[in-house]
PDB file of N, CA and C in Angstrom:
ATOM      1  N   UNK A   1    -118.365 -35.159 -10.278  1.00  0.00           N
ATOM      2  CA  UNK A   1    -117.170 -36.662 -10.756  1.00  0.00           C
ATOM      3  C   UNK A   1    -116.447 -36.508  -8.990  1.00  0.00           C
ATOM      4  N   UNK A   2    -116.637 -38.198  -8.407  1.00  0.00           N
ATOM      5  CA  UNK A   2    -116.069 -38.056  -6.950  1.00  0.00           C
ATOM      6  C   UNK A   2    -114.148 -37.899  -7.308  1.00  0.00           C
ATOM      7  N   UNK A   3    -114.013 -37.869  -6.419  1.00  0.00           N
ATOM      8  CA  UNK A   3    -111.993 -37.666  -6.450  1.00  0.00           C
ATOM      9  C   UNK A   3    -111.532 -38.739  -6.540  1.00  0.00           C
ATOM     10  N   UNK A   4    -111.829 -39.948  -6.284  1.00  0.00           N
ATOM     11  CA  UNK A   4    -111.372 -41.501  -6.830  1.00  0.00           C
ATOM     12  C   UNK A   4    -111.426 -41.339  -8.383  1.00  0.00           C
ATOM     13  N   UNK A   5    -112.745 -40.841  -9.053  1.00  0.00           N
ATOM     14  CA  UNK A   5    -112.981 -41.104 -10.123  1.00  0.00           C
ATOM     15  C   UNK A   5    -111.706 -39.841 -11.122  1.00  0.00           C
ATOM     16  N   UNK A   6    -111.872 -38.869 -10.565  1.00  0.00           N
ATOM     17  CA  UNK A   6    -110.736 -37.913 -10.862  1.00  0.00           C
ATOM     18  C   UNK A   6    -109.502 -38.538 -10.577  1.00  0.00           C
ATOM     19  N   UNK A   7    -109.138 -39.485 -10.165  1.00  0.00           N
ATOM     20  CA  UNK A   7    -107.756 -39.790  -9.926  1.00  0.00           C
ATOM     21  C   UNK A   7    -107.645 -41.237 -10.897  1.00  0.00           C
ATOM     22  N   UNK A   8    -108.340 -42.188 -10.712  1.00  0.00           N
ATOM     23  CA  UNK A   8    -108.668 -42.890 -11.613  1.00  0.00           C
ATOM     24  C   UNK A   8    -107.898 -42.211 -13.178  1.00  0.00           C
ATOM     25  N   UNK A   9    -109.118 -41.250 -13.803  1.00  0.00           N
ATOM     26  CA  UNK A   9    -109.017 -40.656 -15.121  1.00  0.00           C
ATOM     27  C   UNK A   9    -107.253 -40.347 -15.014  1.00  0.00           C
ATOM     28  N   UNK A  10    -106.629 -39.991 -13.749  1.00  0.00           N
ATOM     29  CA  UNK A  10    -105.545 -39.281 -14.297  1.00  0.00           C
ATOM     30  C   UNK A  10    -104.537 -40.167 -14.536  1.00  0.00           C
ATOM     31  N   UNK A  11    -105.046 -41.297 -13.495  1.00  0.00           N
ATOM     32  CA  UNK A  11    -104.296 -42.234 -13.942  1.00  0.00           C
ATOM     33  C   UNK A  11    -103.947 -43.256 -14.960  1.00  0.00           C
ATOM     34  N   UNK A  12    -105.217 -43.164 -15.758  1.00  0.00           N
ATOM     35  CA  UNK A  12    -104.858 -43.996 -16.763  1.00  0.00           C
ATOM     36  C   UNK A  12    -105.115 -42.959 -18.244  1.00  0.00           C
ATOM     37  N   UNK A  13    -104.227 -41.742 -17.601  1.00  0.00           N
ATOM     38  CA  UNK A  13    -104.306 -40.855 -19.392  1.00  0.00           C
ATOM     39  C   UNK A  13    -103.559 -41.210 -20.243  1.00  0.00           C
ATOM     40  N   UNK A  14    -102.192 -41.755 -19.238  1.00  0.00           N
ATOM     41  CA  UNK A  14    -101.124 -41.851 -19.698  1.00  0.00           C
ATOM     42  C   UNK A  14    -100.419 -41.125 -19.610  1.00  0.00           C
ATOM     43  N   UNK A  15    -100.623 -39.929 -19.163  1.00  0.00           N
ATOM     44  CA  UNK A  15     -98.910 -38.532 -18.732  1.00  0.00           C
ATOM     45  C   UNK A  15     -98.580 -38.727 -17.373  1.00  0.00           C
ATOM     46  N   UNK A  16     -97.800 -38.637 -17.277  1.00  0.00           N
ATOM     47  CA  UNK A  16     -97.106 -38.610 -15.842  1.00  0.00           C
ATOM     48  C   UNK A  16     -98.144 -37.325 -14.989  1.00  0.00           C
ATOM     49  N   UNK A  17     -98.604 -38.549 -13.623  1.00  0.00           N
ATOM     50  CA  UNK A  17     -99.285 -37.372 -12.599  1.00  0.00           C
ATOM     51  C   UNK A  17     -98.421 -36.654 -11.346  1.00  0.00           C
ATOM     52  N   UNK A  18     -97.960 -35.580 -11.384  1.00  0.00           N
ATOM     53  CA  UNK A  18     -97.039 -34.835 -10.315  1.00  0.00           C
ATOM     54  C   UNK A  18     -98.003 -34.549  -9.250  1.00  0.00           C
ATOM     55  N   UNK A  19     -97.945 -34.883  -8.162  1.00  0.00           N
ATOM     56  CA  UNK A  19     -98.722 -34.827  -6.866  1.00  0.00           C
ATOM     57  C   UNK A  19     -97.636 -34.183  -5.827  1.00  0.00           C
ATOM     58  N   UNK A  20     -97.269 -33.041  -5.688  1.00  0.00           N
ATOM     59  CA  UNK A  20     -96.646 -32.718  -4.795  1.00  0.00           C
ATOM     60  C   UNK A  20     -96.647 -32.973  -3.364  1.00  0.00           C
ATOM     61  N   UNK A  21     -95.920 -33.317  -2.367  1.00  0.00           N
ATOM     62  CA  UNK A  21     -96.317 -33.689  -0.875  1.00  0.00           C
ATOM     63  C   UNK A  21     -96.677 -32.494  -0.208  1.00  0.00           C
ATOM     64  N   UNK A  22     -97.320 -32.795   0.164  1.00  0.00           N
ATOM     65  CA  UNK A  22     -98.188 -31.675   1.276  1.00  0.00           C
ATOM     66  C   UNK A  22     -97.910 -32.184   3.205  1.00  0.00           C
ATOM     67  N   UNK A  23     -97.408 -31.647   4.039  1.00  0.00           N
ATOM     68  CA  UNK A  23     -97.641 -32.190   5.415  1.00  0.00           C
ATOM     69  C   UNK A  23     -98.844 -31.671   6.080  1.00  0.00           C
ATOM     70  N   UNK A  24     -99.832 -30.879   5.938  1.00  0.00           N
ATOM     71  CA  UNK A  24    -100.957 -30.255   6.407  1.00  0.00           C
ATOM     72  C   UNK A  24    -101.950 -30.075   5.620  1.00  0.00           C
ATOM     73  N   UNK A  25    -103.008 -29.207   5.741  1.00  0.00           N
ATOM     74  CA  UNK A  25    -104.406 -28.859   4.852  1.00  0.00           C
ATOM     75  C   UNK A  25    -103.992 -27.609   4.086  1.00  0.00           C
ATOM     76  N   UNK A  26    -102.584 -26.686   5.099  1.00  0.00           N
ATOM     77  CA  UNK A  26    -102.612 -25.487   4.265  1.00  0.00           C
ATOM     78  C   UNK A  26    -101.310 -25.650   3.022  1.00  0.00           C
ATOM     79  N   UNK A  27    -100.444 -26.422   3.366  1.00  0.00           N
ATOM     80  CA  UNK A  27     -99.698 -27.063   2.220  1.00  0.00           C
ATOM     81  C   UNK A  27    -100.486 -27.486   0.975  1.00  0.00           C
ATOM     82  N   UNK A  28    -101.402 -28.494   1.292  1.00  0.00           N
ATOM     83  CA  UNK A  28    -102.055 -28.624   0.542  1.00  0.00           C
ATOM     84  C   UNK A  28    -102.705 -27.942  -0.193  1.00  0.00           C
ATOM     85  N   UNK A  29    -103.918 -27.059   0.487  1.00  0.00           N
ATOM     86  CA  UNK A  29    -104.504 -26.046  -0.103  1.00  0.00           C
ATOM     87  C   UNK A  29    -103.474 -25.282  -1.046  1.00  0.00           C
ATOM     88  N   UNK A  30    -102.216 -24.855  -1.087  1.00  0.00           N
ATOM     89  CA  UNK A  30    -101.194 -24.398  -1.934  1.00  0.00           C
ATOM     90  C   UNK A  30    -100.604 -24.978  -3.100  1.00  0.00           C
ATOM     91  N   UNK A  31    -100.601 -26.373  -2.656  1.00  0.00           N
ATOM     92  CA  UNK A  31    -100.151 -27.014  -3.806  1.00  0.00           C
ATOM     93  C   UNK A  31    -101.790 -27.025  -4.949  1.00  0.00           C
ATOM     94  N   UNK A  32    -103.158 -27.364  -4.623  1.00  0.00           N
ATOM     95  CA  UNK A  32    -103.585 -27.034  -5.631  1.00  0.00           C
ATOM     96  C   UNK A  32    -104.213 -25.935  -5.965  1.00  0.00           C
ATOM     97  N   UNK A  33    -104.003 -24.900  -5.708  1.00  0.00           N
ATOM     98  CA  UNK A  33    -103.323 -23.490  -5.607  1.00  0.00           C
ATOM     99  C   UNK A  33    -103.212 -22.772  -6.957  1.00  0.00           C
ATOM    100  N   UNK A  34    -101.373 -23.993  -6.492  1.00  0.00           N
ATOM    101  CA  UNK A  34    -100.896 -23.972  -7.905  1.00  0.00           C
ATOM    102  C   UNK A  34    -100.958 -24.471  -9.112  1.00  0.00           C
ATOM    103  N   UNK A  35    -102.139 -25.152  -8.826  1.00  0.00           N
ATOM    104  CA  UNK A  35    -102.703 -26.135 -10.387  1.00  0.00           C
ATOM    105  C   UNK A  35    -102.145 -27.330 -10.557  1.00  0.00           C
ATOM    106  N   UNK A  36    -101.955 -28.208  -9.646  1.00  0.00           N
ATOM    107  CA  UNK A  36    -101.605 -29.438  -9.433  1.00  0.00           C
ATOM    108  C   UNK A  36    -102.555 -30.393  -9.370  1.00  0.00           C
ATOM    109  N   UNK A  37    -103.011 -31.327 -10.160  1.00  0.00           N
ATOM    110  CA  UNK A  37    -104.564 -32.179 -10.376  1.00  0.00           C
ATOM    111  C   UNK A  37    -104.080 -33.231  -9.198  1.00  0.00           C
ATOM    112  N   UNK A  38    -102.776 -33.265  -8.042  1.00  0.00           N
ATOM    113  CA  UNK A  38    -103.524 -34.161  -7.415  1.00  0.00           C
ATOM    114  C   UNK A  38    -102.026 -33.805  -6.233  1.00  0.00           C
ATOM    115  N   UNK A  39    -102.798 -34.020  -5.076  1.00  0.00           N
ATOM    116  CA  UNK A  39    -101.730 -33.661  -3.673  1.00  0.00           C
ATOM    117  C   UNK A  39    -101.222 -35.286  -3.537  1.00  0.00           C
ATOM    118  N   UNK A  40    -100.159 -35.492  -2.943  1.00  0.00           N
ATOM    119  CA  UNK A  40     -99.253 -36.445  -2.066  1.00  0.00           C
ATOM    120  C   UNK A  40     -99.097 -35.852  -0.559  1.00  0.00           C
ATOM    121  N   UNK A  41     -99.651 -36.483   0.282  1.00  0.00           N
ATOM    122  CA  UNK A  41     -99.736 -36.576   1.654  1.00  0.00           C
ATOM    123  C   UNK A  41     -98.448 -36.906   2.183  1.00  0.00           C
ATOM    124  N   UNK A  42     -97.239 -36.456   2.368  1.00  0.00           N
ATOM    125  CA  UNK A  42     -96.288 -37.370   2.778  1.00  0.00           C
ATOM    126  C   UNK A  42     -96.169 -37.859   4.380  1.00  0.00           C
ATOM    127  N   UNK A  43     -95.698 -39.259   4.732  1.00  0.00           N
ATOM    128  CA  UNK A  43     -95.868 -39.475   6.039  1.00  0.00           C
ATOM    129  C   UNK A  43     -94.846 -38.660   6.650  1.00  0.00           C
ATOM    130  N   UNK A  44     -93.599 -38.452   5.882  1.00  0.00           N
ATOM    131  CA  UNK A  44     -92.626 -38.105   6.641  1.00  0.00           C
ATOM    132  C   UNK A  44     -92.758 -36.872   7.197  1.00  0.00           C
ATOM    133  N   UNK A  45     -93.252 -35.808   5.701  1.00  0.00           N
ATOM    134  CA  UNK A  45     -93.746 -34.845   6.202  1.00  0.00           C
ATOM    135  C   UNK A  45     -95.023 -33.750   7.366  1.00  0.00           C
ATOM    136  N   UNK A  46     -95.976 -35.087   7.518  1.00  0.00           N
ATOM    137  CA  UNK A  46     -96.529 -35.341   8.422  1.00  0.00           C
ATOM    138  C   UNK A  46     -96.329 -35.756   9.562  1.00  0.00           C
ATOM    139  N   UNK A  47     -95.642 -36.408   9.522  1.00  0.00           N
ATOM    140  CA  UNK A  47     -94.971 -37.144  10.980  1.00  0.00           C
ATOM    141  C   UNK A  47     -94.257 -35.349  11.646  1.00  0.00           C
ATOM    142  N   UNK A  48     -93.481 -35.184  10.681  1.00  0.00           N
ATOM    143  CA  UNK A  48     -92.511 -34.220  11.186  1.00  0.00           C
ATOM    144  C   UNK A  48     -93.036 -32.433  11.743  1.00  0.00           C
ATOM    145  N   UNK A  49     -94.046 -32.498  11.126  1.00  0.00           N
ATOM    146  CA  UNK A  49     -94.934 -31.214  11.469  1.00  0.00           C
ATOM    147  C   UNK A  49     -95.943 -31.362  12.742  1.00  0.00           C
ATOM    148  N   UNK A  50     -96.240 -32.817  12.606  1.00  0.00           N
ATOM    149  CA  UNK A  50     -97.176 -33.419  13.788  1.00  0.00           C
ATOM    150  C   UNK A  50     -96.536 -33.117  15.050  1.00  0.00           C
ATOM    151  N   UNK A  51     -95.527 -34.309  15.027  1.00  0.00           N
ATOM    152  CA  UNK A  51     -94.930 -34.340  16.372  1.00  0.00           C
ATOM    153  C   UNK A  51     -93.169 -34.189  16.667  1.00  0.00           C
ATOM    154  N   UNK A  52     -92.990 -33.714  15.321  1.00  0.00           N
ATOM    155  CA  UNK A  52     -91.058 -33.365  15.350  1.00  0.00           C
ATOM    156  C   UNK A  52     -90.115 -34.400  14.947  1.00  0.00           C
ATOM    157  N   UNK A  53     -91.218 -35.602  14.700  1.00  0.00           N
ATOM    158  CA  UNK A  53     -90.230 -37.092  14.203  1.00  0.00           C
ATOM    159  C   UNK A  53     -90.048 -37.696  12.962  1.00  0.00           C
ATOM    160  N   UNK A  54     -89.014 -38.215  12.618  1.00  0.00           N
ATOM    161  CA  UNK A  54     -88.933 -39.065  11.801  1.00  0.00           C
ATOM    162  C   UNK A  54     -90.085 -40.032  11.640  1.00  0.00           C
ATOM    163  N   UNK A  55     -90.735 -40.557   9.806  1.00  0.00           N
ATOM    164  CA  UNK A  55     -91.830 -41.266   9.855  1.00  0.00           C
ATOM    165  C   UNK A  55     -91.257 -42.480  10.205  1.00  0.00           C
ATOM    166  N   UNK A  56     -90.901 -42.793  11.667  1.00  0.00           N
ATOM    167  CA  UNK A  56     -90.720 -44.490  11.771  1.00  0.00           C
ATOM    168  C   UNK A  56     -91.765 -45.137  12.745  1.00  0.00           C
ATOM    169  N   UNK A  57     -93.074 -44.974  12.078  1.00  0.00           N
ATOM    170  CA  UNK A  57     -94.051 -45.478  12.744  1.00  0.00           C
ATOM    171  C   UNK A  57     -94.596 -45.093  14.424  1.00  0.00           C
ATOM    172  N   UNK A  58     -94.318 -44.322  13.964  1.00  0.00           N
ATOM    173  CA  UNK A  58     -94.585 -43.337  16.137  1.00  0.00           C
ATOM    174  C   UNK A  58     -95.746 -43.003  16.033  1.00  0.00           C
ATOM    175  N   UNK A  59     -97.130 -42.469  15.016  1.00  0.00           N
ATOM    176  CA  UNK A  59     -97.716 -41.897  14.437  1.00  0.00           C
ATOM    177  C   UNK A  59     -98.802 -43.164  14.636  1.00  0.00           C
ATOM    178  N   UNK A  60    -100.352 -42.293  15.346  1.00  0.00           N
ATOM    179  CA  UNK A  60    -101.169 -43.765  15.612  1.00  0.00           C
ATOM    180  C   UNK A  60    -101.893 -43.572  14.070  1.00  0.00           C
ATOM    181  N   UNK A  61    -102.495 -44.944  14.067  1.00  0.00           N
ATOM    182  CA  UNK A  61    -104.158 -44.709  12.791  1.00  0.00           C
ATOM    183  C   UNK A  61    -104.493 -43.644  12.722  1.00  0.00           C
ATOM    184  N   UNK A  62    -105.223 -43.130  14.661  1.00  0.00           N
ATOM    185  CA  UNK A  62    -106.063 -42.223  14.079  1.00  0.00           C
ATOM    186  C   UNK A  62    -105.387 -40.687  14.109  1.00  0.00           C
ATOM    187  N   UNK A  63    -104.539 -40.367  14.203  1.00  0.00           N
ATOM    188  CA  UNK A  63    -103.762 -39.428  13.974  1.00  0.00           C
ATOM    189  C   UNK A  63    -103.657 -39.063  12.616  1.00  0.00           C
ATOM    190  N   UNK A  64    -102.866 -40.409  11.529  1.00  0.00           N
ATOM    191  CA  UNK A  64    -102.645 -40.510  10.456  1.00  0.00           C
ATOM    192  C   UNK A  64    -104.119 -40.354   9.532  1.00  0.00           C
ATOM    193  N   UNK A  65    -105.710 -41.087   9.982  1.00  0.00           N
ATOM    194  CA  UNK A  65    -106.262 -40.683   9.441  1.00  0.00           C
ATOM    195  C   UNK A  65    -107.481 -39.403   9.452  1.00  0.00           C
ATOM    196  N   UNK A  66    -106.641 -38.896  10.506  1.00  0.00           N
ATOM    197  CA  UNK A  66    -107.419 -37.544  10.560  1.00  0.00           C
ATOM    198  C   UNK A  66    -106.593 -36.207   9.902  1.00  0.00           C
ATOM    199  N   UNK A  67    -105.437 -36.407  10.084  1.00  0.00           N
ATOM    200  CA  UNK A  67    -104.811 -35.556   9.090  1.00  0.00           C
ATOM    201  C   UNK A  67    -104.794 -35.770   7.541  1.00  0.00           C
ATOM    202  N   UNK A  68    -105.108 -36.827   6.861  1.00  0.00           N
ATOM    203  CA  UNK A  68    -105.767 -37.572   5.684  1.00  0.00           C
ATOM    204  C   UNK A  68    -107.370 -37.316   4.990  1.00  0.00           C
ATOM    205  N   UNK A  69    -107.970 -37.349   6.639  1.00  0.00           N
ATOM    206  CA  UNK A  69    -109.537 -36.189   6.058  1.00  0.00           C
ATOM    207  C   UNK A  69    -109.914 -34.979   6.395  1.00  0.00           C
ATOM    208  N   UNK A  70    -108.392 -34.418   7.087  1.00  0.00           N
ATOM    209  CA  UNK A  70    -109.062 -32.932   6.936  1.00  0.00           C
ATOM    210  C   UNK A  70    -107.937 -32.181   5.629  1.00  0.00           C
ATOM    211  N   UNK A  71    -107.263 -33.123   4.769  1.00  0.00           N
ATOM    212  CA  UNK A  71    -106.736 -32.622   4.169  1.00  0.00           C
ATOM    213  C   UNK A  71    -107.773 -33.046   2.520  1.00  0.00           C
ATOM    214  N   UNK A  72    -108.517 -34.430   2.833  1.00  0.00           N
ATOM    215  CA  UNK A  72    -108.994 -34.496   1.696  1.00  0.00           C
ATOM    216  C   UNK A  72    -110.313 -33.803   1.494  1.00  0.00           C
ATOM    217  N   UNK A  73    -110.749 -33.599   2.362  1.00  0.00           N
ATOM    218  CA  UNK A  73    -112.293 -32.348   2.927  1.00  0.00           C
ATOM    219  C   UNK A  73    -111.897 -30.826   2.266  1.00  0.00           C
ATOM    220  N   UNK A  74    -110.716 -30.742   2.619  1.00  0.00           N
ATOM    221  CA  UNK A  74    -110.328 -29.149   1.888  1.00  0.00           C
ATOM    222  C   UNK A  74    -109.910 -28.683   0.537  1.00  0.00           C
ATOM    223  N   UNK A  75    -109.402 -30.245   0.169  1.00  0.00           N
ATOM    224  CA  UNK A  75    -109.173 -29.650  -1.756  1.00  0.00           C
ATOM    225  C   UNK A  75    -110.205 -30.152  -2.703  1.00  0.00           C
ATOM    226  N   UNK A  76    -110.245 -30.062  -3.757  1.00  0.00           N
ATOM    227  CA  UNK A  76    -111.289 -30.461  -4.743  1.00  0.00           C
ATOM    228  C   UNK A  76    -110.363 -31.374  -5.759  1.00  0.00           C
ATOM    229  N   UNK A  77    -109.262 -31.423  -5.539  1.00  0.00           N
ATOM    230  CA  UNK A  77    -108.145 -32.614  -6.184  1.00  0.00           C
ATOM    231  C   UNK A  77    -108.672 -34.032  -5.624  1.00  0.00           C
ATOM    232  N   UNK A  78    -107.934 -34.663  -5.800  1.00  0.00           N
ATOM    233  CA  UNK A  78    -107.990 -36.396  -5.260  1.00  0.00           C
ATOM    234  C   UNK A  78    -106.543 -35.555  -4.533  1.00  0.00           C
ATOM    235  N   UNK A  79    -106.251 -36.959  -3.373  1.00  0.00           N
ATOM    236  CA  UNK A  79    -105.404 -36.693  -2.159  1.00  0.00           C
ATOM    237  C   UNK A  79    -104.678 -38.367  -2.001  1.00  0.00           C
ATOM    238  N   UNK A  80    -103.580 -38.242  -2.395  1.00  0.00           N
ATOM    239  CA  UNK A  80    -102.997 -39.779  -2.021  1.00  0.00           C
ATOM    240  C   UNK A  80    -102.260 -39.716  -1.023  1.00  0.00           C
ATOM    241  N   UNK A  81    -102.458 -40.141  -0.240  1.00  0.00           N
ATOM    242  CA  UNK A  81    -101.868 -40.650   1.283  1.00  0.00           C
ATOM    243  C   UNK A  81    -101.506 -41.491   1.389  1.00  0.00           C
ATOM    244  N   UNK A  82     -99.872 -41.225   2.055  1.00  0.00           N
ATOM    245  CA  UNK A  82     -98.658 -42.255   2.553  1.00  0.00           C
ATOM    246  C   UNK A  82     -99.193 -42.935   3.614  1.00  0.00           C
ATOM    247  N   UNK A  83     -99.548 -44.452   3.853  1.00  0.00           N
ATOM    248  CA  UNK A  83    -100.038 -44.719   4.893  1.00  0.00           C
ATOM    249  C   UNK A  83     -99.181 -45.932   5.126  1.00  0.00           C
ATOM    250  N   UNK A  84     -97.917 -45.948   4.642  1.00  0.00           N
ATOM    251  CA  UNK A  84     -97.033 -46.519   3.979  1.00  0.00           C
ATOM    252  C   UNK A  84     -97.052 -48.550   5.412  1.00  0.00           C
ATOM    253  N   UNK A  85     -97.317 -48.366   6.704  1.00  0.00           N
ATOM    254  CA  UNK A  85     -97.030 -49.405   7.227  1.00  0.00           C
ATOM    255  C   UNK A  85     -98.758 -50.288   7.176  1.00  0.00           C
ATOM    256  N   UNK A  86     -99.532 -49.220   6.693  1.00  0.00           N
ATOM    257  CA  UNK A  86    -100.732 -50.187   6.923  1.00  0.00           C
ATOM    258  C   UNK A  86    -101.839 -50.516   8.826  1.00  0.00           C
ATOM    259  N   UNK A  87    -100.550 -50.407   9.349  1.00  0.00           N
ATOM    260  CA  UNK A  87    -101.083 -50.491  10.418  1.00  0.00           C
ATOM    261  C   UNK A  87    -101.586 -51.693  11.540  1.00  0.00           C
ATOM    262  N   UNK A  88    -101.203 -52.813  10.496  1.00  0.00           N
ATOM    263  CA  UNK A  88    -101.106 -54.063  11.443  1.00  0.00           C
ATOM    264  C   UNK A  88    -101.429 -55.177  10.311  1.00  0.00           C
ATOM    265  N   UNK A  89    -102.253 -55.707   9.611  1.00  0.00           N
ATOM    266  CA  UNK A  89    -101.996 -56.718   9.510  1.00  0.00           C
ATOM    267  C   UNK A  89    -102.998 -56.701   8.038  1.00  0.00           C
ATOM    268  N   UNK A  90    -103.838 -57.210   7.174  1.00  0.00           N
ATOM    269  CA  UNK A  90    -104.427 -57.114   6.256  1.00  0.00           C
ATOM    270  C   UNK A  90    -105.799 -56.423   6.446  1.00  0.00           C
ATOM    271  N   UNK A  91    -106.821 -57.270   7.513  1.00  0.00           N
ATOM    272  CA  UNK A  91    -107.608 -56.591   8.279  1.00  0.00           C
ATOM    273  C   UNK A  91    -107.820 -55.264   8.215  1.00  0.00           C
ATOM    274  N   UNK A  92    -106.149 -54.394   8.980  1.00  0.00           N
ATOM    275  CA  UNK A  92    -105.936 -53.246   9.593  1.00  0.00           C
ATOM    276  C   UNK A  92    -106.154 -52.654   8.264  1.00  0.00           C
ATOM    277  N   UNK A  93    -104.956 -52.747   7.255  1.00  0.00           N
ATOM    278  CA  UNK A  93    -104.854 -51.987   5.864  1.00  0.00           C
ATOM    279  C   UNK A  93    -106.466 -51.692   4.744  1.00  0.00           C
ATOM    280  N   UNK A  94    -106.976 -52.962   5.177  1.00  0.00           N
ATOM    281  CA  UNK A  94    -108.313 -52.697   4.424  1.00  0.00           C
ATOM    282  C   UNK A  94    -109.000 -51.669   5.608  1.00  0.00           C
ATOM    283  N   UNK A  95    -108.974 -51.543   6.748  1.00  0.00           N
ATOM    284  CA  UNK A  95    -110.014 -50.273   7.350  1.00  0.00           C
ATOM    285  C   UNK A  95    -109.241 -49.064   7.089  1.00  0.00           C
ATOM    286  N   UNK A  96    -107.837 -48.973   7.198  1.00  0.00           N
ATOM    287  CA  UNK A  96    -107.097 -48.009   6.524  1.00  0.00           C
ATOM    288  C   UNK A  96    -107.673 -47.374   5.424  1.00  0.00           C
ATOM    289  N   UNK A  97    -107.522 -47.968   4.143  1.00  0.00           N
ATOM    290  CA  UNK A  97    -108.079 -47.586   3.526  1.00  0.00           C
ATOM    291  C   UNK A  97    -109.519 -47.342   2.971  1.00  0.00           C
ATOM    292  N   UNK A  98    -110.269 -47.890   3.703  1.00  0.00           N
ATOM    293  CA  UNK A  98    -111.351 -47.692   3.807  1.00  0.00           C
ATOM    294  C   UNK A  98    -111.592 -45.823   4.834  1.00  0.00           C
ATOM    295  N   UNK A  99    -110.908 -45.831   5.199  1.00  0.00           N
ATOM    296  CA  UNK A  99    -110.786 -44.760   6.322  1.00  0.00           C
ATOM    297  C   UNK A  99    -110.158 -43.383   5.575  1.00  0.00           C
TER     298      UNK A  99
END
């Protein structure tokens, strides 16, 4: 089963989905090891851990996409990634979601 299907099933279950926030691969793995069925990639946490600044749009699309990719590849549970700005217009948002 894909992680996308796992997430859809969790959301369709009618139960509350608890997805604690992770800021790097290690924290994501710890959340998974604790038994949570999903992990949330926190934008503020990633920004603070990578560049030591708040989540005010200072990180690039490439930096955020790489962090999301690394986390997702290390997990067996779904990752929900905070990409709140979408990095531009509707086309940029589409690319962001695809990446």
